[in-house]
C-alpha atoms as a PDB file:
ATOM      1  CA  MET A   1     -48.412 -60.446 -29.462  1.00  0.00           C
ATOM      2  CA  ALA A   2     -45.411 -62.582 -29.165  1.00  0.00           C
ATOM      3  CA  ARG A   3     -45.325 -65.879 -27.543  1.00  0.00           C
ATOM      4  CA  LEU A   4     -43.029 -65.244 -24.184  1.00  0.00           C
ATOM      5  CA  ASP A   5     -40.339 -68.488 -25.344  1.00  0.00           C
ATOM      6  CA  SER A   6     -36.975 -68.943 -24.120  1.00  0.00           C
ATOM      7  CA  THR A   7     -35.401 -66.456 -26.367  1.00  0.00           C
ATOM      8  CA  ARG A   8     -37.329 -63.658 -24.626  1.00  0.00           C
ATOM      9  CA  VAL A   9     -37.420 -64.848 -21.156  1.00  0.00           C
ATOM     10  CA  SER A  10     -33.532 -64.920 -22.341  1.00  0.00           C
ATOM     11  CA  ALA A  11     -33.377 -61.541 -23.213  1.00  0.00           C
ATOM     12  CA  TRP A  12     -35.412 -60.241 -20.643  1.00  0.00           C
ATOM     13  CA  ARG A  13     -32.311 -61.743 -17.923  1.00  0.00           C
ATOM     14  CA  GLY A  14     -29.639 -60.680 -19.873  1.00  0.00           C
ATOM     15  CA  LEU A  15     -30.865 -57.032 -19.837  1.00  0.00           C
ATOM     16  CA  GLN A  16     -32.071 -57.387 -16.136  1.00  0.00           C
ATOM     17  CA  THR A  17     -28.238 -58.754 -15.465  1.00  0.00           C
ATOM     18  CA  VAL A  18     -26.660 -56.275 -17.189  1.00  0.00           C
ATOM     19  CA  THR A  19     -28.092 -53.631 -16.176  1.00  0.00           C
ATOM     20  CA  ALA A  20     -27.869 -54.367 -12.417  1.00  0.00           C
ATOM     21  CA  GLU A  21     -23.830 -55.049 -13.168  1.00  0.00           C
ATOM     22  CA  LEU A  22     -23.627 -51.927 -15.333  1.00  0.00           C
ATOM     23  CA  THR A  23     -25.698 -50.002 -12.169  1.00  0.00           C
ATOM     24  CA  ARG A  24     -22.845 -51.675  -9.294  1.00  0.00           C
ATOM     25  CA  ARG A  25     -20.289 -50.364 -11.303  1.00  0.00           C
ATOM     26  CA  ILE A  26     -20.849 -46.861 -11.336  1.00  0.00           C
ATOM     27  CA  ASP A  27     -21.964 -47.511  -8.072  1.00  0.00           C
ATOM     28  CA  VAL A  28     -18.328 -48.233  -7.111  1.00  0.00           C
ATOM     29  CA  ASP A  29     -16.756 -45.770  -9.317  1.00  0.00           C
ATOM     30  CA  LEU A  30     -18.948 -43.021  -7.349  1.00  0.00           C
ATOM     31  CA  MET A  31     -18.242 -44.930  -3.492  1.00  0.00           C
ATOM     32  CA  ASP A  32     -14.613 -45.167  -4.490  1.00  0.00           C
ATOM     33  CA  ASP A  33     -14.286 -40.994  -5.408  1.00  0.00           C
ATOM     34  CA  TRP A  34     -16.825 -39.808  -3.356  1.00  0.00           C
ATOM     35  CA  ASP A  35     -17.599 -42.077  -0.517  1.00  0.00           C
ATOM     36  CA  ILE A  36     -21.828 -41.454  -1.538  1.00  0.00           C
ATOM     37  CA  PRO A  37     -23.877 -44.273  -3.222  1.00  0.00           C
ATOM     38  CA  LEU A  38     -25.226 -43.825  -6.934  1.00  0.00           C
ATOM     39  CA  GLY A  39     -28.517 -43.691  -5.155  1.00  0.00           C
ATOM     40  CA  TRP A  40     -28.311 -40.683  -3.660  1.00  0.00           C
ATOM     41  CA  PHE A  41     -26.574 -39.306  -6.783  1.00  0.00           C
ATOM     42  CA  ASP A  42     -29.646 -39.994  -8.783  1.00  0.00           C
ATOM     43  CA  VAL A  43     -31.361 -38.046  -6.290  1.00  0.00           C
ATOM     44  CA  LEU A  44     -29.391 -34.882  -6.589  1.00  0.00           C
ATOM     45  CA  ALA A  45     -29.295 -35.332 -10.137  1.00  0.00           C
ATOM     46  CA  SER A  46     -32.717 -35.469 -10.316  1.00  0.00           C
ATOM     47  CA  LEU A  47     -33.518 -32.092  -8.477  1.00  0.00           C
ATOM     48  CA  GLN A  48     -30.546 -30.953 -10.743  1.00  0.00           C
ATOM     49  CA  ARG A  49     -32.608 -32.032 -13.925  1.00  0.00           C
ATOM     50  CA  LEU A  50     -36.047 -30.525 -12.347  1.00  0.00           C
ATOM     51  CA  GLY A  51     -35.069 -27.111 -11.951  1.00  0.00           C
ATOM     52  CA  GLY A  52     -33.456 -27.441  -8.242  1.00  0.00           C
ATOM     53  CA  ARG A  53     -36.955 -27.215  -6.178  1.00  0.00           C
ATOM     54  CA  ALA A  54     -39.119 -30.412  -6.937  1.00  0.00           C
ATOM     55  CA  ARG A  55     -42.084 -32.259  -4.859  1.00  0.00           C
ATOM     56  CA  PRO A  56     -40.771 -35.760  -4.088  1.00  0.00           C
ATOM     57  CA  LEU A  57     -43.491 -37.660  -5.797  1.00  0.00           C
ATOM     58  CA  ASP A  58     -42.133 -35.582  -9.061  1.00  0.00           C
ATOM     59  CA  ILE A  59     -38.416 -36.826  -7.758  1.00  0.00           C
ATOM     60  CA  ALA A  60     -39.580 -40.527  -7.078  1.00  0.00           C
ATOM     61  CA  ALA A  61     -41.533 -40.598 -10.654  1.00  0.00           C
ATOM     62  CA  GLU A  62     -38.176 -38.747 -12.880  1.00  0.00           C
ATOM     63  CA  ILE A  63     -36.273 -41.663 -10.736  1.00  0.00           C
ATOM     64  CA  ARG A  64     -38.708 -44.852 -11.269  1.00  0.00           C
ATOM     65  CA  LEU A  65     -38.594 -44.963  -7.254  1.00  0.00           C
ATOM     66  CA  PRO A  66     -41.032 -46.142  -4.600  1.00  0.00           C
ATOM     67  CA  PRO A  67     -41.896 -43.033  -2.377  1.00  0.00           C
ATOM     68  CA  SER A  68     -40.883 -44.750   0.868  1.00  0.00           C
ATOM     69  CA  SER A  69     -37.146 -45.243  -0.749  1.00  0.00           C
ATOM     70  CA  LEU A  70     -37.286 -41.914  -1.816  1.00  0.00           C
ATOM     71  CA  SER A  71     -38.128 -40.769   1.573  1.00  0.00           C
ATOM     72  CA  ARG A  72     -34.947 -42.368   3.226  1.00  0.00           C
ATOM     73  CA  ARG A  73     -32.294 -40.745   0.750  1.00  0.00           C
ATOM     74  CA  LEU A  74     -33.950 -37.542   1.487  1.00  0.00           C
ATOM     75  CA  ASP A  75     -33.640 -37.770   5.300  1.00  0.00           C
ATOM     76  CA  ARG A  76     -30.118 -38.957   4.630  1.00  0.00           C
ATOM     77  CA  LEU A  77     -29.111 -35.941   1.771  1.00  0.00           C
ATOM     78  CA  GLU A  78     -30.972 -33.422   4.273  1.00  0.00           C
ATOM     79  CA  GLU A  79     -28.359 -34.349   7.418  1.00  0.00           C
ATOM     80  CA  GLU A  80     -25.677 -34.291   5.055  1.00  0.00           C
ATOM     81  CA  GLY A  81     -27.059 -30.741   4.447  1.00  0.00           C
ATOM     82  CA  TRP A  82     -27.220 -31.405   0.342  1.00  0.00           C
ATOM     83  CA  VAL A  83     -31.125 -30.575  -0.076  1.00  0.00           C
ATOM     84  CA  LYS A  84     -33.747 -28.855   2.368  1.00  0.00           C
ATOM     85  CA  ARG A  85     -37.738 -29.555   2.769  1.00  0.00           C
ATOM     86  CA  HIS A  86     -39.691 -26.514   2.534  1.00  0.00           C
ATOM     87  CA  ARG A  87     -43.924 -25.990   2.817  1.00  0.00           C
ATOM     88  CA  SER A  88     -45.050 -26.129  -0.928  1.00  0.00           C
ATOM     89  CA  VAL A  89     -46.038 -22.635  -1.860  1.00  0.00           C
ATOM     90  CA  ASP A  90     -48.782 -24.584  -3.613  1.00  0.00           C
ATOM     91  CA  PRO A  91     -51.701 -22.779  -2.698  1.00  0.00           C
ATOM     92  CA  VAL A  92     -54.284 -25.611  -2.818  1.00  0.00           C
ATOM     93  CA  ASP A  93     -52.076 -27.747  -0.720  1.00  0.00           C
ATOM     94  CA  GLN A  94     -50.220 -25.967   1.865  1.00  0.00           C
ATOM     95  CA  ARG A  95     -48.821 -29.220   3.751  1.00  0.00           C
ATOM     96  CA  ALA A  96     -47.263 -30.372   0.447  1.00  0.00           C
ATOM     97  CA  VAL A  97     -43.226 -30.454   0.418  1.00  0.00           C
ATOM     98  CA  GLU A  98     -41.208 -29.417  -1.773  1.00  0.00           C
ATOM     99  CA  VAL A  99     -37.375 -30.571  -1.771  1.00  0.00           C
ATOM    100  CA  GLU A 100     -34.606 -27.952  -2.541  1.00  0.00           C
ATOM    101  CA  LEU A 101     -31.105 -28.336  -3.708  1.00  0.00           C
ATOM    102  CA  THR A 102     -28.769 -26.155  -1.355  1.00  0.00           C
ATOM    103  CA  ARG A 103     -26.074 -24.808  -2.376  1.00  0.00           C
ATOM    104  CA  ARG A 104     -23.408 -27.063  -1.267  1.00  0.00           C
ATOM    105  CA  GLY A 105     -26.097 -29.986  -2.711  1.00  0.00           C
ATOM    106  CA  ARG A 106     -25.502 -27.874  -6.379  1.00  0.00           C
ATOM    107  CA  ASN A 107     -21.645 -27.789  -5.492  1.00  0.00           C
ATOM    108  CA  LEU A 108     -21.853 -31.803  -4.978  1.00  0.00           C
ATOM    109  CA  TRP A 109     -23.781 -32.876  -7.684  1.00  0.00           C
ATOM    110  CA  ARG A 110     -21.719 -30.977 -10.203  1.00  0.00           C
ATOM    111  CA  GLU A 111     -18.421 -32.273  -8.720  1.00  0.00           C
ATOM    112  CA  MET A 112     -20.095 -36.043  -8.388  1.00  0.00           C
ATOM    113  CA  ASN A 113     -21.235 -35.472 -12.059  1.00  0.00           C
ATOM    114  CA  ILE A 114     -17.759 -35.742 -13.565  1.00  0.00           C
ATOM    115  CA  THR A 115     -17.266 -38.978 -11.777  1.00  0.00           C
ATOM    116  CA  TYR A 116     -20.426 -40.341 -12.800  1.00  0.00           C
ATOM    117  CA  ARG A 117     -19.988 -39.428 -17.084  1.00  0.00           C
ATOM    118  CA  ARG A 118     -16.981 -40.853 -16.759  1.00  0.00           C
ATOM    119  CA  ALA A 119     -18.132 -44.040 -15.186  1.00  0.00           C
ATOM    120  CA  VAL A 120     -20.873 -44.152 -17.849  1.00  0.00           C
ATOM    121  CA  GLN A 121     -18.433 -43.711 -20.468  1.00  0.00           C
ATOM    122  CA  ARG A 122     -16.010 -46.303 -19.289  1.00  0.00           C
ATOM    123  CA  HIS A 123     -18.175 -48.858 -18.557  1.00  0.00           C
ATOM    124  CA  PHE A 124     -21.347 -48.594 -21.040  1.00  0.00           C
ATOM    125  CA  ALA A 125     -21.189 -45.702 -23.755  1.00  0.00           C
ATOM    126  CA  ILE A 126     -17.247 -46.128 -24.878  1.00  0.00           C
ATOM    127  CA  LEU A 127     -18.862 -49.662 -26.095  1.00  0.00           C
ATOM    128  CA  MET A 128     -22.120 -48.845 -27.992  1.00  0.00           C
ATOM    129  CA  ALA A 129     -21.505 -47.459 -31.626  1.00  0.00           C
ATOM    130  CA  ASP A 130     -24.264 -44.447 -32.543  1.00  0.00           C
ATOM    131  CA  ALA A 131     -26.643 -47.313 -34.002  1.00  0.00           C
ATOM    132  CA  ASP A 132     -26.678 -49.266 -30.444  1.00  0.00           C
ATOM    133  CA  ILE A 133     -27.292 -45.866 -28.605  1.00  0.00           C
ATOM    134  CA  ALA A 134     -30.423 -45.336 -31.377  1.00  0.00           C
ATOM    135  CA  ALA A 135     -31.387 -48.641 -30.734  1.00  0.00           C
ATOM    136  CA  VAL A 136     -31.494 -48.863 -26.585  1.00  0.00           C
ATOM    137  CA  HIS A 137     -33.331 -45.310 -26.894  1.00  0.00           C
ATOM    138  CA  ARG A 138     -35.907 -47.555 -29.369  1.00  0.00           C
ATOM    139  CA  VAL A 139     -36.083 -50.289 -26.499  1.00  0.00           C
ATOM    140  CA  ILE A 140     -36.942 -47.946 -23.612  1.00  0.00           C
ATOM    141  CA  ASP A 141     -39.245 -46.307 -25.622  1.00  0.00           C
ATOM    142  CA  LEU A 142     -40.823 -49.115 -26.620  1.00  0.00           C
ATOM    143  CA  LEU A 143     -41.357 -50.561 -22.855  1.00  0.00           C
ATOM    144  CA  THR A 144     -42.442 -46.579 -21.769  1.00  0.00           C
ATOM    145  CA  GLU A 145     -44.616 -46.338 -23.822  1.00  0.00           C
ATOM    146  CA  ALA A 146     -46.222 -49.846 -23.501  1.00  0.00           C
ATOM    147  CA  ASP A 147     -46.594 -49.396 -20.125  1.00  0.00           C
ATOM    148  CA  ASP A 148     -48.781 -46.511 -20.197  1.00  0.00           C
ATOM    149  CA  GLY A 149     -47.186 -44.684 -17.476  1.00  0.00           C
ATOM    150  CA  GLU A 150     -47.143 -47.219 -14.732  1.00  0.00           C
ATOM    151  CA  PHE A 151     -43.308 -46.760 -15.122  1.00  0.00           C
ATOM    152  CA  ALA A 152     -44.333 -43.849 -12.608  1.00  0.00           C
ATOM    153  CA  ALA A 153     -43.315 -44.352  -8.606  1.00  0.00           C
ATOM    154  CA  ASP A 154     -45.866 -46.982  -6.976  1.00  0.00           C
END
């Protein structure tokens, strides 16, 4: 195992800092255009990727968010009419809940996704060559595999 030295600590701090800054910039772009934070968009996008309907634990795991934080976001999204909670059709656990994107939620996600993609392009992708993107994916894969699934929502 590699020794934790100042170079590795610096790499971690740099990764942490630049990720936070990029997240903030994308959040600002979404707030400017939609008055909706990135965290809410992330939930809508996760539901879209999960087929439009999923259990809260699956959404939390997909966006690597603690379930309690997701619950608060879902409350707000449901108040706005962008998602709806349903009792699960799971015969084993009939108390389970599923969250579904409403028509309004799908339409909002579709329109917000344009702003999101433009922001990702402007603040991240335009600066990266194909080899850089491959390297980022390699690091993500390495960290995800090394963690052995602990990145899932705690």
